[in-house]
């Protein structure tokens, strides 16, 4: 029996999660994001269409939330472990794991053209996917610079794009599957490009100690 003492916020959160779970179920079925409809989500979840539309503008925004935004909290956080390479691998492996599995990878394949051509959907993607991940990698890059692993001019945005770009290229064009060592291979290429030369690394570390 339903808990009549639940606060509106708890009820809203339960309703939201039911909608997102149902959307993922439908995305995993034949037709994927192209076949998805708000009507189908409402019918299977038992949540009114009006409730769904109050939270999501259309099926594309709902699919983006279900396939990426809502799962971002499950990504491994690249916390400080004293090793820049390991932290970058942690960062990129979460993306590889998600994009290489259903319904997430196929849903993103269907969403890419919409994100590219719909400015409002693109803004949602940047605000809720790109920017939070960029803040994570910025912390990794800052620690890498302080350790002398990376050049002081290393650009977190560029590193993020160089790590994630090849995953999207493989997902959309050259084709999965993603090899189990793909994350480490990408990180090693990035480190080779941004690594501080030994003499500069010593100077950077000395500068950090003096601050």
C-alpha atoms as a PDB file:
ATOM      1  CA  UNK A   1       0.000   0.000   0.000  1.00  0.00           C
ATOM      2  CA  UNK A   2       1.232   3.501  -0.793  1.00  0.00           C
ATOM      3  CA  UNK A   3       2.692   5.543   2.031  1.00  0.00           C
ATOM      4  CA  UNK A   4       0.247   8.452   2.395  1.00  0.00           C
ATOM      5  CA  UNK A   5       2.715  10.273   4.645  1.00  0.00           C
ATOM      6  CA  UNK A   6       5.301  10.635   1.918  1.00  0.00           C
ATOM      7  CA  UNK A   7       6.333  14.221   1.267  1.00  0.00           C
ATOM      8  CA  UNK A   8       5.593  15.681  -2.186  1.00  0.00           C
ATOM      9  CA  UNK A   9       9.334  15.743  -2.912  1.00  0.00           C
ATOM     10  CA  UNK A  10       9.682  12.026  -2.176  1.00  0.00           C
ATOM     11  CA  UNK A  11       6.656  11.224  -4.314  1.00  0.00           C
ATOM     12  CA  UNK A  12       8.005  13.367  -7.143  1.00  0.00           C
ATOM     13  CA  UNK A  13      11.380  11.644  -6.963  1.00  0.00           C
ATOM     14  CA  UNK A  14       9.767   8.199  -7.008  1.00  0.00           C
ATOM     15  CA  UNK A  15       7.658   9.218  -9.994  1.00  0.00           C
ATOM     16  CA  UNK A  16      10.708  10.618 -11.796  1.00  0.00           C
ATOM     17  CA  UNK A  17      12.703   7.443 -11.214  1.00  0.00           C
ATOM     18  CA  UNK A  18       9.833   5.270 -12.417  1.00  0.00           C
ATOM     19  CA  UNK A  19       9.653   7.286 -15.628  1.00  0.00           C
ATOM     20  CA  UNK A  20      13.403   7.054 -16.203  1.00  0.00           C
ATOM     21  CA  UNK A  21      13.503   3.311 -15.481  1.00  0.00           C
ATOM     22  CA  UNK A  22      10.608   2.741 -17.875  1.00  0.00           C
ATOM     23  CA  UNK A  23      12.316   4.847 -20.524  1.00  0.00           C
ATOM     24  CA  UNK A  24      15.448   2.715 -20.251  1.00  0.00           C
ATOM     25  CA  UNK A  25      13.332  -0.432 -20.634  1.00  0.00           C
ATOM     26  CA  UNK A  26      11.793   0.945 -23.814  1.00  0.00           C
ATOM     27  CA  UNK A  27      15.159   2.138 -25.137  1.00  0.00           C
ATOM     28  CA  UNK A  28      16.403  -1.428 -24.765  1.00  0.00           C
ATOM     29  CA  UNK A  29      13.646  -2.733 -27.024  1.00  0.00           C
ATOM     30  CA  UNK A  30      13.571  -2.901 -30.813  1.00  0.00           C
ATOM     31  CA  UNK A  31      13.550   0.540 -32.370  1.00  0.00           C
ATOM     32  CA  UNK A  32      15.356   2.180 -29.477  1.00  0.00           C
ATOM     33  CA  UNK A  33      15.190   5.944 -29.210  1.00  0.00           C
ATOM     34  CA  UNK A  34      13.546   6.350 -32.626  1.00  0.00           C
ATOM     35  CA  UNK A  35      10.583   4.212 -31.579  1.00  0.00           C
ATOM     36  CA  UNK A  36      10.298   5.811 -28.139  1.00  0.00           C
ATOM     37  CA  UNK A  37       7.163   7.835 -27.439  1.00  0.00           C
ATOM     38  CA  UNK A  38       5.933   9.728 -24.415  1.00  0.00           C
ATOM     39  CA  UNK A  39       2.664   7.824 -24.760  1.00  0.00           C
ATOM     40  CA  UNK A  40       4.460   4.490 -24.413  1.00  0.00           C
ATOM     41  CA  UNK A  41       6.387   5.689 -21.359  1.00  0.00           C
ATOM     42  CA  UNK A  42       3.170   6.925 -19.741  1.00  0.00           C
ATOM     43  CA  UNK A  43       1.297   3.705 -20.488  1.00  0.00           C
ATOM     44  CA  UNK A  44       3.980   1.395 -19.132  1.00  0.00           C
ATOM     45  CA  UNK A  45       4.992   3.497 -16.125  1.00  0.00           C
ATOM     46  CA  UNK A  46       1.455   4.388 -15.111  1.00  0.00           C
ATOM     47  CA  UNK A  47       2.467   8.054 -14.871  1.00  0.00           C
ATOM     48  CA  UNK A  48       0.329  10.634 -16.646  1.00  0.00           C
ATOM     49  CA  UNK A  49       1.647  12.238 -19.827  1.00  0.00           C
ATOM     50  CA  UNK A  50       1.095  15.661 -18.279  1.00  0.00           C
ATOM     51  CA  UNK A  51       3.444  14.736 -15.423  1.00  0.00           C
ATOM     52  CA  UNK A  52       6.130  13.640 -17.887  1.00  0.00           C
ATOM     53  CA  UNK A  53       5.809  16.813 -19.959  1.00  0.00           C
ATOM     54  CA  UNK A  54       6.102  18.981 -16.851  1.00  0.00           C
ATOM     55  CA  UNK A  55       9.628  17.652 -16.349  1.00  0.00           C
ATOM     56  CA  UNK A  56      10.843  16.909 -19.885  1.00  0.00           C
ATOM     57  CA  UNK A  57      10.201  18.975 -23.004  1.00  0.00           C
ATOM     58  CA  UNK A  58       9.938  16.001 -25.362  1.00  0.00           C
ATOM     59  CA  UNK A  59      11.039  12.407 -25.854  1.00  0.00           C
ATOM     60  CA  UNK A  60      14.557  13.452 -26.833  1.00  0.00           C
ATOM     61  CA  UNK A  61      15.169  15.289 -23.586  1.00  0.00           C
ATOM     62  CA  UNK A  62      13.698  12.356 -21.650  1.00  0.00           C
ATOM     63  CA  UNK A  63      15.878   9.870 -23.525  1.00  0.00           C
ATOM     64  CA  UNK A  64      18.980  11.980 -22.874  1.00  0.00           C
ATOM     65  CA  UNK A  65      18.189  12.055 -19.168  1.00  0.00           C
ATOM     66  CA  UNK A  66      17.570   8.303 -19.024  1.00  0.00           C
ATOM     67  CA  UNK A  67      20.576   7.327 -21.141  1.00  0.00           C
ATOM     68  CA  UNK A  68      23.191   9.687 -19.730  1.00  0.00           C
ATOM     69  CA  UNK A  69      22.271  12.416 -17.229  1.00  0.00           C
ATOM     70  CA  UNK A  70      20.621  10.094 -14.721  1.00  0.00           C
ATOM     71  CA  UNK A  71      23.500   7.586 -14.865  1.00  0.00           C
ATOM     72  CA  UNK A  72      26.309  10.117 -14.394  1.00  0.00           C
ATOM     73  CA  UNK A  73      26.246   9.678 -10.586  1.00  0.00           C
ATOM     74  CA  UNK A  74      27.182   6.014 -11.154  1.00  0.00           C
ATOM     75  CA  UNK A  75      30.401   7.016 -12.937  1.00  0.00           C
ATOM     76  CA  UNK A  76      33.554   6.427 -10.916  1.00  0.00           C
ATOM     77  CA  UNK A  77      34.887   9.641  -9.417  1.00  0.00           C
ATOM     78  CA  UNK A  78      38.566  10.176 -10.354  1.00  0.00           C
ATOM     79  CA  UNK A  79      39.606  11.076  -6.830  1.00  0.00           C
ATOM     80  CA  UNK A  80      43.182  11.819  -5.825  1.00  0.00           C
ATOM     81  CA  UNK A  81      45.133   8.552  -5.669  1.00  0.00           C
ATOM     82  CA  UNK A  82      48.518  10.174  -6.221  1.00  0.00           C
ATOM     83  CA  UNK A  83      48.762   8.876  -9.797  1.00  0.00           C
ATOM     84  CA  UNK A  84      47.644  11.038 -12.724  1.00  0.00           C
ATOM     85  CA  UNK A  85      47.516   8.127 -15.161  1.00  0.00           C
ATOM     86  CA  UNK A  86      45.265   6.055 -12.898  1.00  0.00           C
ATOM     87  CA  UNK A  87      42.953   9.014 -12.294  1.00  0.00           C
ATOM     88  CA  UNK A  88      42.584   9.688 -16.023  1.00  0.00           C
ATOM     89  CA  UNK A  89      41.886   6.012 -16.682  1.00  0.00           C
ATOM     90  CA  UNK A  90      39.200   6.057 -13.992  1.00  0.00           C
ATOM     91  CA  UNK A  91      37.669   9.111 -15.665  1.00  0.00           C
ATOM     92  CA  UNK A  92      37.534   7.649 -19.163  1.00  0.00           C
ATOM     93  CA  UNK A  93      36.656   4.050 -18.271  1.00  0.00           C
ATOM     94  CA  UNK A  94      33.258   5.058 -16.885  1.00  0.00           C
ATOM     95  CA  UNK A  95      32.358   6.590 -20.245  1.00  0.00           C
ATOM     96  CA  UNK A  96      33.607   3.534 -22.119  1.00  0.00           C
ATOM     97  CA  UNK A  97      31.663   1.185 -19.867  1.00  0.00           C
ATOM     98  CA  UNK A  98      28.430   3.135 -20.303  1.00  0.00           C
ATOM     99  CA  UNK A  99      28.663   3.801 -24.034  1.00  0.00           C
ATOM    100  CA  UNK A 100      29.639   0.205 -24.662  1.00  0.00           C
ATOM    101  CA  UNK A 101      26.491  -1.206 -23.048  1.00  0.00           C
ATOM    102  CA  UNK A 102      22.754  -1.233 -23.732  1.00  0.00           C
ATOM    103  CA  UNK A 103      20.604   0.770 -23.757  1.00  0.00           C
ATOM    104  CA  UNK A 104      23.054   3.622 -23.312  1.00  0.00           C
ATOM    105  CA  UNK A 105      25.300   3.301 -26.365  1.00  0.00           C
ATOM    106  CA  UNK A 106      22.507   2.703 -28.888  1.00  0.00           C
ATOM    107  CA  UNK A 107      20.427   5.503 -27.340  1.00  0.00           C
ATOM    108  CA  UNK A 108      23.314   7.935 -27.695  1.00  0.00           C
ATOM    109  CA  UNK A 109      23.729   6.890 -31.322  1.00  0.00           C
ATOM    110  CA  UNK A 110      20.151   7.971 -31.911  1.00  0.00           C
ATOM    111  CA  UNK A 111      20.466  11.145 -29.866  1.00  0.00           C
ATOM    112  CA  UNK A 112      23.599  12.596 -31.435  1.00  0.00           C
ATOM    113  CA  UNK A 113      21.924  14.177 -34.450  1.00  0.00           C
ATOM    114  CA  UNK A 114      19.261  15.724 -32.223  1.00  0.00           C
ATOM    115  CA  UNK A 115      21.860  17.181 -29.855  1.00  0.00           C
ATOM    116  CA  UNK A 116      23.765  18.554 -32.850  1.00  0.00           C
ATOM    117  CA  UNK A 117      20.740  20.251 -34.424  1.00  0.00           C
ATOM    118  CA  UNK A 118      18.570  21.249 -31.434  1.00  0.00           C
ATOM    119  CA  UNK A 119      20.180  24.162 -29.535  1.00  0.00           C
ATOM    120  CA  UNK A 120      18.019  23.617 -26.447  1.00  0.00           C
ATOM    121  CA  UNK A 121      18.853  19.922 -26.238  1.00  0.00           C
ATOM    122  CA  UNK A 122      22.520  20.750 -26.846  1.00  0.00           C
ATOM    123  CA  UNK A 123      22.448  23.178 -23.932  1.00  0.00           C
ATOM    124  CA  UNK A 124      20.948  20.506 -21.672  1.00  0.00           C
ATOM    125  CA  UNK A 125      23.681  18.089 -22.750  1.00  0.00           C
ATOM    126  CA  UNK A 126      26.433  20.620 -22.058  1.00  0.00           C
ATOM    127  CA  UNK A 127      24.987  21.742 -18.732  1.00  0.00           C
ATOM    128  CA  UNK A 128      24.265  18.293 -17.317  1.00  0.00           C
ATOM    129  CA  UNK A 129      26.827  16.024 -18.996  1.00  0.00           C
ATOM    130  CA  UNK A 130      29.801  17.924 -20.405  1.00  0.00           C
ATOM    131  CA  UNK A 131      30.277  20.546 -17.680  1.00  0.00           C
ATOM    132  CA  UNK A 132      30.081  18.217 -14.634  1.00  0.00           C
ATOM    133  CA  UNK A 133      32.580  15.882 -16.263  1.00  0.00           C
ATOM    134  CA  UNK A 134      34.823  18.803 -17.150  1.00  0.00           C
ATOM    135  CA  UNK A 135      34.904  19.871 -13.513  1.00  0.00           C
ATOM    136  CA  UNK A 136      36.029  16.357 -12.603  1.00  0.00           C
ATOM    137  CA  UNK A 137      38.829  16.267 -15.135  1.00  0.00           C
ATOM    138  CA  UNK A 138      39.916  19.806 -14.290  1.00  0.00           C
ATOM    139  CA  UNK A 139      40.735  18.644 -10.772  1.00  0.00           C
ATOM    140  CA  UNK A 140      42.719  15.713 -12.206  1.00  0.00           C
ATOM    141  CA  UNK A 141      44.646  18.014 -14.542  1.00  0.00           C
ATOM    142  CA  UNK A 142      45.434  20.497 -11.764  1.00  0.00           C
ATOM    143  CA  UNK A 143      46.833  17.684  -9.611  1.00  0.00           C
ATOM    144  CA  UNK A 144      48.806  16.355 -12.580  1.00  0.00           C
ATOM    145  CA  UNK A 145      50.381  19.771 -13.137  1.00  0.00           C
ATOM    146  CA  UNK A 146      51.304  20.077  -9.458  1.00  0.00           C
ATOM    147  CA  UNK A 147      52.934  16.642  -9.541  1.00  0.00           C
ATOM    148  CA  UNK A 148      54.945  17.604 -12.608  1.00  0.00           C
ATOM    149  CA  UNK A 149      53.197  14.949 -14.727  1.00  0.00           C
ATOM    150  CA  UNK A 150      51.603  17.489 -17.085  1.00  0.00           C
ATOM    151  CA  UNK A 151      52.682  20.751 -18.653  1.00  0.00           C
ATOM    152  CA  UNK A 152      51.413  23.892 -16.889  1.00  0.00           C
ATOM    153  CA  UNK A 153      49.514  24.913 -20.042  1.00  0.00           C
ATOM    154  CA  UNK A 154      47.536  21.657 -20.208  1.00  0.00           C
ATOM    155  CA  UNK A 155      43.944  22.532 -21.124  1.00  0.00           C
ATOM    156  CA  UNK A 156      41.327  20.413 -19.259  1.00  0.00           C
ATOM    157  CA  UNK A 157      38.750  20.988 -21.992  1.00  0.00           C
ATOM    158  CA  UNK A 158      41.126  19.749 -24.670  1.00  0.00           C
ATOM    159  CA  UNK A 159      42.101  16.713 -22.615  1.00  0.00           C
ATOM    160  CA  UNK A 160      38.430  15.877 -22.062  1.00  0.00           C
ATOM    161  CA  UNK A 161      37.691  16.165 -25.777  1.00  0.00           C
ATOM    162  CA  UNK A 162      40.717  14.088 -26.740  1.00  0.00           C
ATOM    163  CA  UNK A 163      39.710  11.347 -24.294  1.00  0.00           C
ATOM    164  CA  UNK A 164      35.987  11.232 -25.042  1.00  0.00           C
ATOM    165  CA  UNK A 165      36.094  12.108 -28.757  1.00  0.00           C
ATOM    166  CA  UNK A 166      37.562   8.758 -29.875  1.00  0.00           C
ATOM    167  CA  UNK A 167      34.884   6.892 -27.900  1.00  0.00           C
ATOM    168  CA  UNK A 168      32.139   8.720 -29.760  1.00  0.00           C
ATOM    169  CA  UNK A 169      33.956   8.176 -33.071  1.00  0.00           C
ATOM    170  CA  UNK A 170      34.071   4.453 -32.442  1.00  0.00           C
ATOM    171  CA  UNK A 171      30.471   4.405 -31.244  1.00  0.00           C
ATOM    172  CA  UNK A 172      29.167   6.324 -34.270  1.00  0.00           C
ATOM    173  CA  UNK A 173      31.488   5.512 -37.164  1.00  0.00           C
ATOM    174  CA  UNK A 174      34.204   2.894 -36.892  1.00  0.00           C
ATOM    175  CA  UNK A 175      32.100   0.629 -34.717  1.00  0.00           C
ATOM    176  CA  UNK A 176      32.257  -1.039 -31.293  1.00  0.00           C
ATOM    177  CA  UNK A 177      33.129  -3.141 -29.429  1.00  0.00           C
ATOM    178  CA  UNK A 178      35.414  -1.176 -27.172  1.00  0.00           C
ATOM    179  CA  UNK A 179      38.543  -3.091 -26.258  1.00  0.00           C
ATOM    180  CA  UNK A 180      39.187  -3.676 -22.578  1.00  0.00           C
ATOM    181  CA  UNK A 181      42.417  -1.651 -22.796  1.00  0.00           C
ATOM    182  CA  UNK A 182      40.964   1.263 -24.750  1.00  0.00           C
ATOM    183  CA  UNK A 183      40.895   3.598 -21.738  1.00  0.00           C
ATOM    184  CA  UNK A 184      44.541   3.000 -20.881  1.00  0.00           C
ATOM    185  CA  UNK A 185      45.548   3.374 -24.536  1.00  0.00           C
ATOM    186  CA  UNK A 186      43.788   6.726 -24.822  1.00  0.00           C
ATOM    187  CA  UNK A 187      45.281   7.997 -21.586  1.00  0.00           C
ATOM    188  CA  UNK A 188      48.808   6.987 -22.579  1.00  0.00           C
ATOM    189  CA  UNK A 189      48.484   8.869 -25.872  1.00  0.00           C
ATOM    190  CA  UNK A 190      47.229  11.953 -24.001  1.00  0.00           C
ATOM    191  CA  UNK A 191      50.039  11.774 -21.464  1.00  0.00           C
ATOM    192  CA  UNK A 192      52.629  11.490 -24.233  1.00  0.00           C
ATOM    193  CA  UNK A 193      51.272  14.695 -25.722  1.00  0.00           C
ATOM    194  CA  UNK A 194      51.006  16.711 -22.512  1.00  0.00           C
ATOM    195  CA  UNK A 195      53.815  15.259 -20.449  1.00  0.00           C
ATOM    196  CA  UNK A 196      56.303  17.690 -18.954  1.00  0.00           C
ATOM    197  CA  UNK A 197      59.905  17.166 -20.019  1.00  0.00           C
ATOM    198  CA  UNK A 198      62.075  16.026 -17.074  1.00  0.00           C
ATOM    199  CA  UNK A 199      63.837  19.323 -16.599  1.00  0.00           C
ATOM    200  CA  UNK A 200      60.573  21.261 -16.711  1.00  0.00           C
ATOM    201  CA  UNK A 201      58.903  18.806 -14.347  1.00  0.00           C
ATOM    202  CA  UNK A 202      61.544  19.519 -11.707  1.00  0.00           C
ATOM    203  CA  UNK A 203      61.057  23.275 -12.136  1.00  0.00           C
ATOM    204  CA  UNK A 204      57.253  22.944 -11.857  1.00  0.00           C
ATOM    205  CA  UNK A 205      57.479  20.859  -8.692  1.00  0.00           C
ATOM    206  CA  UNK A 206      59.919  23.359  -7.159  1.00  0.00           C
ATOM    207  CA  UNK A 207      57.565  26.221  -7.991  1.00  0.00           C
ATOM    208  CA  UNK A 208      54.622  24.393  -6.362  1.00  0.00           C
ATOM    209  CA  UNK A 209      56.657  23.765  -3.190  1.00  0.00           C
ATOM    210  CA  UNK A 210      57.522  27.476  -2.942  1.00  0.00           C
ATOM    211  CA  UNK A 211      53.831  28.565  -3.091  1.00  0.00           C
END
